[in-house]
Amino acid sequence: MDRRATWLLALLAAGLLPLATDALGQPYYLAFATRIAVFAIAALALDLVLGYGGLVSLGHAAFLGIGAYSVGIWSSHGVTSAAVHWATALAVGACYAAATGIVALRTTGVAFIMITLAFGQMLFFLAVSLKAYGGDDGMTLWQGARLGPLDLADDRTLYWVALAWLAAFLALGRRLVAARFGLVLRGAKSNERRMRALGFTPTRHRLAAYVLSGAMASIAGCLLAHATDFVSPSYMGWQRSGELVVMVVLGGLATLHGAIIGAAVLLALEEALAGLTVHWMLILGAVLVVVANVSRRGLLGLGATSRGPR
């Protein structure tokens, strides 16, 4: 069975998950699957700039916060339309990415990491200062969002919506990385000087990728707020950005599918180990070290033969 057929079957199985959880009487697993889909979107978005562009961003959780506060602020003023929430998140996330990316992309390496971290922390402390919207304590969303006749307060509806966004972004990402845009990103990651000699402007492509990545991650933030009915500055802390980086690296850099697998495995490990011991982070850290040493291509590289770039 080829890879495309495998992923189509996986998508079909994911779409039927709500029926299985209803049959088993385990609604918790549906909420957990929604959480996986949300963070898979955020990890996939980061993979565009980290995996294909070679840009390590430690401020990507800021986009989760932008999306979450787009929902929270509108909801506090009585606007419950998910379309309005998403449009706001896309616009603000893209503008924030463009403004910060223009500055951050003047640098590379450690300097880029520190600049994205600094911008992310600036937004974090801005959210803490918003006393009208809960400040450091965050805010509870008392009204569920709606998308036309669809009520996103319903767990099944929200799951299918999150899955639809994930499938759409995965399809978009695959088309982009297979097009000249993706080839320029990967070429600049390998040898920027050569790409410039060929007449390309890698900085523009990196900025476009960063803006698109920010917009995608902002949608993940909206869905996270819909899922938790809560908005908090903690969504955009640097620790959350670190988790997204781990998801991408764990699954496999520059694969897109790997980001989804990494998000699912990391969240599943956290959930399983937390139920076993309060020291679960020690075990999780050991697992990550083993995976990193066994396969530099992450989980997708375990036991795989060399097939070239994907």
Protein backbone atom coordinates (compact mmCIF):
# COMPACT_ATOMS: atom_id res chain seq x y z
CA MET A 1 0.00 0.00 0.00
CA ASP A 2 1.46 3.37 -0.99
CA ARG A 3 1.80 6.30 1.37
CA ARG A 4 -1.14 8.23 -0.07
CA ALA A 5 -3.53 5.32 0.40
CA THR A 6 -2.25 4.83 3.94
CA TRP A 7 -2.96 8.43 4.86
CA LEU A 8 -6.39 8.37 3.21
CA LEU A 9 -7.28 5.33 5.31
CA ALA A 10 -5.93 7.06 8.41
CA LEU A 11 -8.06 10.13 7.62
CA LEU A 12 -11.13 7.93 7.13
CA ALA A 13 -10.48 6.19 10.44
CA ALA A 14 -10.04 9.56 12.16
CA GLY A 15 -13.34 10.74 10.70
CA LEU A 16 -15.13 7.70 12.13
CA LEU A 17 -13.60 8.11 15.60
CA PRO A 18 -16.64 9.92 17.10
CA LEU A 19 -18.79 6.91 16.25
CA ALA A 20 -16.34 4.62 18.02
CA THR A 21 -16.16 6.77 21.16
CA ASP A 22 -19.97 6.91 21.29
CA ALA A 23 -20.18 3.12 20.96
CA LEU A 24 -17.61 2.64 23.73
CA GLY A 25 -19.10 5.34 25.95
CA GLN A 26 -15.73 7.13 26.18
CA PRO A 27 -16.27 10.78 25.21
CA TYR A 28 -12.94 11.75 26.79
CA TYR A 29 -11.02 10.15 23.95
CA LEU A 30 -12.84 12.34 21.44
CA ALA A 31 -11.79 15.48 23.35
CA PHE A 32 -8.24 14.14 23.46
CA ALA A 33 -8.28 13.47 19.70
CA THR A 34 -9.43 17.05 19.14
CA ARG A 35 -6.48 18.27 21.19
CA ILE A 36 -4.14 16.16 19.04
CA ALA A 37 -5.63 17.61 15.85
CA VAL A 38 -5.20 21.16 17.18
CA PHE A 39 -1.55 20.72 18.08
CA ALA A 40 -0.92 18.77 14.89
CA ILE A 41 -1.98 21.89 12.97
CA ALA A 42 0.41 24.03 15.02
CA ALA A 43 3.27 21.54 14.58
CA LEU A 44 2.60 21.23 10.85
CA ALA A 45 2.72 25.03 10.59
CA LEU A 46 6.06 25.12 12.39
CA ASP A 47 7.46 22.38 10.14
CA LEU A 48 7.15 24.72 7.17
CA VAL A 49 9.73 27.09 8.62
CA LEU A 50 11.72 24.68 10.80
CA GLY A 51 11.84 21.59 8.63
CA TYR A 52 11.90 23.13 5.18
CA GLY A 53 13.35 26.55 5.94
CA GLY A 54 15.81 25.56 8.67
CA LEU A 55 14.51 28.35 10.94
CA VAL A 56 14.17 27.41 14.60
CA SER A 57 11.36 29.53 16.02
CA LEU A 58 10.92 29.64 19.80
CA GLY A 59 8.09 32.11 19.56
CA HIS A 60 5.55 30.15 17.55
CA ALA A 61 3.25 29.71 20.54
CA ALA A 62 2.53 33.44 20.18
CA PHE A 63 0.36 32.54 17.21
CA LEU A 64 -1.60 30.10 19.36
CA GLY A 65 -2.22 33.00 21.72
CA ILE A 66 -3.30 35.28 18.87
CA GLY A 67 -5.86 32.73 17.75
CA ALA A 68 -7.10 32.05 21.27
CA TYR A 69 -7.49 35.73 22.11
CA SER A 70 -9.23 36.36 18.80
CA VAL A 71 -11.90 33.99 20.09
CA GLY A 72 -11.82 35.27 23.67
CA ILE A 73 -12.01 38.98 22.94
CA TRP A 74 -14.77 38.64 20.35
CA SER A 75 -16.73 36.28 22.62
CA SER A 76 -16.50 38.70 25.54
CA HIS A 77 -18.27 41.26 23.33
CA GLY A 78 -20.99 38.83 22.34
CA VAL A 79 -19.64 37.83 18.92
CA THR A 80 -19.87 34.06 18.69
CA SER A 81 -19.38 33.58 14.95
CA ALA A 82 -16.48 31.19 14.37
CA ALA A 83 -16.01 32.69 10.90
CA VAL A 84 -15.31 36.08 12.49
CA HIS A 85 -12.95 34.50 15.02
CA TRP A 86 -11.02 32.65 12.31
CA ALA A 87 -10.85 35.62 9.95
CA THR A 88 -9.51 37.81 12.77
CA ALA A 89 -6.94 35.19 13.76
CA LEU A 90 -5.76 34.75 10.17
CA ALA A 91 -5.41 38.49 9.61
CA VAL A 92 -3.76 39.34 12.93
CA GLY A 93 -1.54 36.25 12.87
CA ALA A 94 -0.35 36.99 9.34
CA CYS A 95 0.30 40.67 10.12
CA TYR A 96 2.17 39.80 13.31
CA ALA A 97 4.24 37.23 11.43
CA ALA A 98 5.03 39.70 8.67
CA ALA A 99 6.05 42.46 11.10
CA THR A 100 8.21 40.23 13.30
CA GLY A 101 9.49 38.15 10.41
CA ILE A 102 10.92 41.18 8.61
CA VAL A 103 13.05 41.83 11.68
CA ALA A 104 13.88 38.23 12.63
CA LEU A 105 14.79 37.11 9.10
CA ARG A 106 17.59 39.63 8.92
CA THR A 107 19.43 37.12 11.08
CA THR A 108 19.96 33.36 11.19
CA GLY A 109 20.93 30.71 13.72
CA VAL A 110 20.94 31.62 17.40
CA ALA A 111 20.09 35.25 16.70
CA PHE A 112 16.87 34.21 14.91
CA ILE A 113 15.96 31.92 17.80
CA MET A 114 16.46 34.69 20.36
CA ILE A 115 14.52 37.27 18.35
CA THR A 116 11.50 35.00 17.90
CA LEU A 117 11.68 34.12 21.59
CA ALA A 118 11.80 37.81 22.51
CA PHE A 119 8.81 38.69 20.34
CA GLY A 120 6.86 35.77 21.76
CA GLN A 121 7.56 36.85 25.34
CA MET A 122 6.58 40.42 24.52
CA LEU A 123 3.19 39.19 23.35
CA PHE A 124 2.93 36.95 26.43
CA PHE A 125 3.40 39.91 28.79
CA LEU A 126 0.99 42.00 26.71
CA ALA A 127 -1.66 39.34 27.29
CA VAL A 128 -0.84 39.32 31.03
CA SER A 129 -1.44 43.08 31.13
CA LEU A 130 -4.91 42.82 29.55
CA LYS A 131 -6.86 43.01 32.80
CA ALA A 132 -10.12 43.56 30.94
CA TYR A 133 -9.67 40.11 29.43
CA GLY A 134 -8.57 38.22 32.52
CA GLY A 135 -4.92 39.24 32.68
CA ASP A 136 -2.68 36.55 34.13
CA ASP A 137 -5.69 34.49 35.26
CA GLY A 138 -7.09 34.14 31.77
CA MET A 139 -10.78 34.20 30.90
CA THR A 140 -13.54 31.61 30.67
CA LEU A 141 -15.64 31.58 27.51
CA TRP A 142 -19.25 31.27 28.55
CA GLN A 143 -20.68 31.29 25.03
CA GLY A 144 -19.88 28.57 22.53
CA ALA A 145 -18.91 29.54 18.99
CA ARG A 146 -21.08 28.76 15.98
CA LEU A 147 -20.34 28.28 12.31
CA GLY A 148 -23.67 28.83 10.61
CA PRO A 149 -25.90 25.98 11.81
CA LEU A 150 -22.95 24.17 13.41
CA ASP A 151 -22.46 24.48 17.16
CA LEU A 152 -18.76 24.16 18.01
CA ALA A 153 -19.68 23.58 21.65
CA ASP A 154 -20.62 20.07 20.51
CA ASP A 155 -17.56 17.84 20.86
CA ARG A 156 -18.20 15.87 17.69
CA THR A 157 -18.74 18.96 15.58
CA LEU A 158 -15.59 20.61 16.88
CA TYR A 159 -13.59 17.44 16.26
CA TRP A 160 -14.72 17.22 12.64
CA VAL A 161 -14.04 20.92 12.10
CA ALA A 162 -10.52 20.57 13.57
CA LEU A 163 -9.93 17.49 11.41
CA ALA A 164 -11.11 19.38 8.32
CA TRP A 165 -8.68 22.24 9.04
CA LEU A 166 -5.86 19.75 9.55
CA ALA A 167 -6.61 17.96 6.26
CA ALA A 168 -6.84 21.29 4.40
CA PHE A 169 -3.54 22.58 5.79
CA LEU A 170 -1.82 19.26 5.09
CA ALA A 171 -3.00 19.34 1.48
CA LEU A 172 -1.89 22.98 1.14
CA GLY A 173 1.48 22.23 2.70
CA ARG A 174 2.10 19.27 0.41
CA ARG A 175 1.35 21.35 -2.68
CA LEU A 176 3.61 24.17 -1.53
CA VAL A 177 6.63 22.04 -0.68
CA ALA A 178 6.33 20.13 -3.97
CA ALA A 179 6.17 23.39 -5.96
CA ARG A 180 9.05 25.73 -6.78
CA PHE A 181 8.33 27.58 -3.54
CA GLY A 182 9.25 24.53 -1.49
CA LEU A 183 12.27 23.76 -3.65
CA VAL A 184 13.63 27.26 -3.05
CA LEU A 185 13.09 26.90 0.71
CA ARG A 186 14.96 23.60 0.81
CA GLY A 187 17.66 24.87 -1.52
CA ALA A 188 18.27 27.94 0.63
CA LYS A 189 18.43 25.72 3.72
CA SER A 190 21.18 23.66 2.07
CA ASN A 191 23.09 26.43 0.29
CA GLU A 192 21.70 29.96 0.35
CA ARG A 193 24.57 31.42 -1.66
CA ARG A 194 23.92 29.05 -4.54
CA MET A 195 20.21 29.90 -4.58
CA ARG A 196 21.04 33.59 -4.77
CA ALA A 197 23.43 32.90 -7.64
CA LEU A 198 20.54 31.20 -9.47
CA GLY A 199 18.51 34.41 -9.19
CA PHE A 200 16.21 33.53 -6.29
CA THR A 201 15.59 35.67 -3.21
CA PRO A 202 15.44 33.20 -0.31
CA THR A 203 14.50 35.86 2.25
CA ARG A 204 11.21 36.54 0.46
CA HIS A 205 10.36 32.87 0.34
CA ARG A 206 11.24 32.46 4.01
CA LEU A 207 9.09 35.45 4.95
CA ALA A 208 6.17 34.08 2.94
CA ALA A 209 6.58 30.71 4.65
CA TYR A 210 6.77 32.39 8.05
CA VAL A 211 3.60 34.41 7.41
CA LEU A 212 1.71 31.36 6.18
CA SER A 213 2.97 29.34 9.15
CA GLY A 214 1.83 32.06 11.56
CA ALA A 215 -1.65 32.19 10.03
CA MET A 216 -2.01 28.41 10.24
CA ALA A 217 -0.86 28.32 13.87
CA SER A 218 -3.34 31.10 14.69
CA ILE A 219 -6.19 28.90 13.48
CA ALA A 220 -4.87 26.20 15.83
CA GLY A 221 -5.12 28.76 18.63
CA CYS A 222 -8.77 29.44 17.75
CA LEU A 223 -9.57 25.74 17.84
CA LEU A 224 -7.74 25.38 21.16
CA ALA A 225 -9.94 28.10 22.66
CA HIS A 226 -13.06 26.44 21.24
CA ALA A 227 -11.98 23.12 22.74
CA THR A 228 -11.12 24.37 26.24
CA ASP A 229 -13.63 27.24 26.54
CA PHE A 230 -10.76 29.11 28.16
CA VAL A 231 -8.11 31.62 27.09
CA SER A 232 -4.88 32.24 28.98
CA PRO A 233 -1.49 33.88 28.41
CA SER A 234 0.04 30.47 29.17
CA TYR A 235 -0.96 29.40 25.65
CA MET A 236 1.83 31.57 24.27
CA GLY A 237 4.62 30.87 26.77
CA TRP A 238 8.04 29.84 25.49
CA GLN A 239 7.56 26.38 26.99
CA ARG A 240 4.67 25.80 24.59
CA SER A 241 6.90 26.87 21.69
CA GLY A 242 9.46 24.34 22.87
CA GLU A 243 6.81 21.61 22.86
CA LEU A 244 5.95 22.43 19.25
CA VAL A 245 9.62 22.14 18.27
CA VAL A 246 9.81 18.75 20.02
CA MET A 247 6.70 17.55 18.15
CA VAL A 248 8.22 18.45 14.79
CA VAL A 249 11.63 16.94 15.54
CA LEU A 250 10.12 13.84 17.14
CA GLY A 251 7.95 13.05 14.14
CA GLY A 252 10.53 13.93 11.50
CA LEU A 253 11.69 17.24 10.07
CA ALA A 254 10.56 18.37 6.62
CA THR A 255 7.90 15.68 6.23
CA LEU A 256 4.64 17.44 7.27
CA HIS A 257 3.18 14.02 8.16
CA GLY A 258 5.90 13.71 10.76
CA ALA A 259 4.60 16.81 12.55
CA ILE A 260 1.20 15.16 12.89
CA ILE A 261 2.71 11.93 14.16
CA GLY A 262 4.99 13.82 16.53
CA ALA A 263 2.09 15.75 18.02
CA ALA A 264 0.03 12.59 18.49
CA VAL A 265 2.85 10.59 20.04
CA LEU A 266 4.06 13.35 22.37
CA LEU A 267 0.57 14.11 23.69
CA ALA A 268 -0.20 10.40 24.05
CA LEU A 269 3.04 9.82 25.96
CA GLU A 270 2.34 12.77 28.23
CA GLU A 271 -1.15 11.46 28.94
CA ALA A 272 -0.05 7.88 29.57
CA LEU A 273 3.02 8.67 31.68
CA ALA A 274 1.26 11.32 33.78
CA GLY A 275 -1.14 8.60 34.89
CA LEU A 276 1.74 6.43 36.06
CA THR A 277 3.96 8.76 38.05
CA VAL A 278 4.41 12.39 39.03
CA HIS A 279 7.92 12.14 37.62
CA TRP A 280 6.64 11.40 34.13
CA MET A 281 8.75 14.16 32.55
CA LEU A 282 11.93 12.22 33.40
CA ILE A 283 10.65 9.20 31.51
CA LEU A 284 9.46 11.32 28.61
CA GLY A 285 12.84 13.00 28.39
CA ALA A 286 14.57 9.61 28.26
CA VAL A 287 12.26 8.46 25.46
CA LEU A 288 13.02 11.58 23.43
CA VAL A 289 16.76 11.08 23.91
CA VAL A 290 16.50 7.48 22.68
CA VAL A 291 14.50 8.46 19.59
CA ALA A 292 16.93 11.28 18.79
CA ASN A 293 19.90 8.93 19.01
CA VAL A 294 18.34 6.02 17.14
CA SER A 295 16.93 8.04 14.25
CA ARG A 296 17.91 11.52 13.16
CA ARG A 297 14.82 11.55 10.95
CA GLY A 298 12.49 11.12 13.91
CA LEU A 299 9.80 8.50 14.21
CA LEU A 300 9.25 8.38 10.45
CA GLY A 301 12.88 7.42 10.04
CA LEU A 302 12.78 4.45 12.40
CA GLY A 303 13.38 1.33 10.38
CA ALA A 304 12.93 3.19 7.08
CA THR A 305 15.29 2.82 4.22
CA SER A 306 16.79 5.86 2.56
CA ARG A 307 14.24 7.20 0.10
CA GLY A 308 15.58 10.69 -0.46
CA PRO A 309 13.74 13.95 0.36
CA ARG A 310 9.99 13.80 0.89
